[in-house]
Amino acid sequence: MIEAEAITAVMRALADPTRRAVFERIANSDEITVVELTRGSSVTQGAISQHVKALKQAGLVSERPEGRNVYYRVQPGGLAPLADWMSHYGVFWRERFADLRTLLKEIDP
């Protein structure tokens, strides 16, 4: 069974639209600092830091300190709990598509 705490942590972290946008910016970069994340954003550096902290606690982001800077990057397995949870619903969609295929054949033989 998929660990409920991990799924909940990932879902909570990504539920906030600003945090999701921060995650996407990190994902679209090899590595990025909080200062770079703040540039071009209407969010303060302190708020960005809090969002990055939440992403890090959820296992979605890792950090690499270098001198005065801390570089963030997406943690490769961070979305795995969510992907695993969603894969359980694949059966639901396969059945629905099979039903749709059957219905379409009945309508237009």
Protein backbone atom coordinates (compact mmCIF):
# COMPACT_ATOMS: atom_id res chain seq x y z
CA MET A 1 0.00 0.00 0.00
CA ILE A 2 1.15 3.51 -0.75
CA GLU A 3 2.24 5.48 2.29
CA ALA A 4 -0.58 7.91 3.06
CA GLU A 5 1.67 10.44 4.80
CA ALA A 6 3.90 10.84 1.75
CA ILE A 7 0.92 11.32 -0.56
CA THR A 8 -0.64 13.83 1.81
CA ALA A 9 2.62 15.77 2.09
CA VAL A 10 3.01 16.02 -1.69
CA MET A 11 -0.64 16.98 -2.22
CA ARG A 12 -0.52 19.63 0.50
CA ALA A 13 2.70 21.06 -0.88
CA LEU A 14 1.31 21.32 -4.40
CA ALA A 15 -2.18 22.47 -3.39
CA ASP A 16 -1.05 26.08 -3.07
CA PRO A 17 -0.96 27.75 -6.52
CA THR A 18 2.02 29.96 -5.67
CA ARG A 19 3.97 26.99 -4.36
CA ARG A 20 3.07 25.03 -7.49
CA ALA A 21 4.41 27.89 -9.61
CA VAL A 22 7.63 27.92 -7.55
CA PHE A 23 7.93 24.15 -8.02
CA GLU A 24 7.48 24.54 -11.78
CA ARG A 25 10.17 27.23 -11.93
CA ILE A 26 12.55 24.97 -10.03
CA ALA A 27 11.65 22.05 -12.30
CA ASN A 28 12.40 24.15 -15.39
CA SER A 29 15.88 24.99 -14.10
CA ASP A 30 18.87 22.79 -13.46
CA GLU A 31 19.39 24.64 -10.20
CA ILE A 32 18.03 27.93 -8.93
CA THR A 33 18.40 30.16 -5.87
CA VAL A 34 15.66 31.88 -3.88
CA VAL A 35 16.92 35.22 -5.20
CA GLU A 36 16.46 34.00 -8.78
CA LEU A 37 13.01 32.63 -7.91
CA THR A 38 12.05 36.01 -6.46
CA ARG A 39 13.07 37.94 -9.60
CA GLY A 40 10.12 38.60 -11.85
CA SER A 41 7.73 37.47 -9.13
CA SER A 42 5.26 39.49 -7.11
CA VAL A 43 6.09 37.34 -4.08
CA THR A 44 8.59 38.44 -1.45
CA GLN A 45 11.87 36.62 -0.92
CA GLY A 46 10.70 35.54 2.54
CA ALA A 47 7.52 34.02 1.13
CA ILE A 48 9.47 32.23 -1.62
CA SER A 49 11.79 30.83 1.06
CA GLN A 50 8.79 29.50 2.99
CA HIS A 51 7.35 27.89 -0.16
CA VAL A 52 10.70 26.27 -0.96
CA LYS A 53 10.92 25.01 2.64
CA ALA A 54 7.48 23.37 2.29
CA LEU A 55 8.50 21.78 -1.01
CA LYS A 56 11.70 20.51 0.60
CA GLN A 57 9.83 19.04 3.59
CA ALA A 58 7.50 17.22 1.18
CA GLY A 59 10.52 15.66 -0.54
CA LEU A 60 9.94 17.52 -3.80
CA VAL A 61 13.07 19.68 -3.71
CA SER A 62 16.66 19.22 -2.57
CA GLU A 63 19.26 21.84 -1.82
CA ARG A 64 22.96 22.29 -2.45
CA PRO A 65 24.74 24.98 -0.48
CA GLU A 66 27.65 26.70 -2.19
CA GLY A 67 29.27 29.61 -0.39
CA ARG A 68 26.59 32.16 0.45
CA ASN A 69 24.08 30.66 -1.98
CA VAL A 70 21.80 27.68 -1.70
CA TYR A 71 20.80 26.07 -4.97
CA TYR A 72 17.55 24.16 -5.26
CA ARG A 73 16.61 21.47 -7.72
CA VAL A 74 13.68 19.09 -8.09
CA GLN A 75 14.12 15.81 -6.26
CA PRO A 76 13.66 13.07 -8.92
CA GLY A 77 11.53 10.75 -6.79
CA GLY A 78 9.53 13.50 -5.11
CA LEU A 79 6.39 13.00 -7.16
CA ALA A 80 6.56 9.19 -6.94
CA PRO A 81 4.01 8.86 -4.09
CA LEU A 82 1.50 10.91 -6.07
CA ALA A 83 2.20 9.04 -9.30
CA ASP A 84 1.85 5.69 -7.51
CA TRP A 85 -1.44 6.78 -5.96
CA MET A 86 -2.77 7.96 -9.31
CA SER A 87 -1.74 4.74 -11.05
CA HIS A 88 -4.34 2.87 -8.98
CA TYR A 89 -7.00 4.78 -10.89
CA GLY A 90 -5.66 3.71 -14.28
CA VAL A 91 -8.00 0.70 -14.18
CA PHE A 92 -10.94 3.07 -13.79
CA TRP A 93 -9.99 4.99 -16.95
CA ARG A 94 -9.19 1.87 -18.99
CA GLU A 95 -12.64 0.49 -18.17
CA ARG A 96 -14.31 3.78 -19.09
CA PHE A 97 -12.49 3.95 -22.43
CA ALA A 98 -13.43 0.34 -23.16
CA ASP A 99 -17.08 1.19 -22.41
CA LEU A 100 -16.85 4.24 -24.67
CA ARG A 101 -15.32 2.16 -27.48
CA THR A 102 -18.17 -0.35 -27.18
CA LEU A 103 -20.79 2.41 -27.17
CA LEU A 104 -19.28 4.06 -30.23
CA LYS A 105 -19.29 0.74 -32.12
CA GLU A 106 -22.96 0.29 -31.24
CA ILE A 107 -23.83 3.79 -32.43
CA ASP A 108 -21.82 3.64 -35.64
CA PRO A 109 -21.16 0.01 -36.62
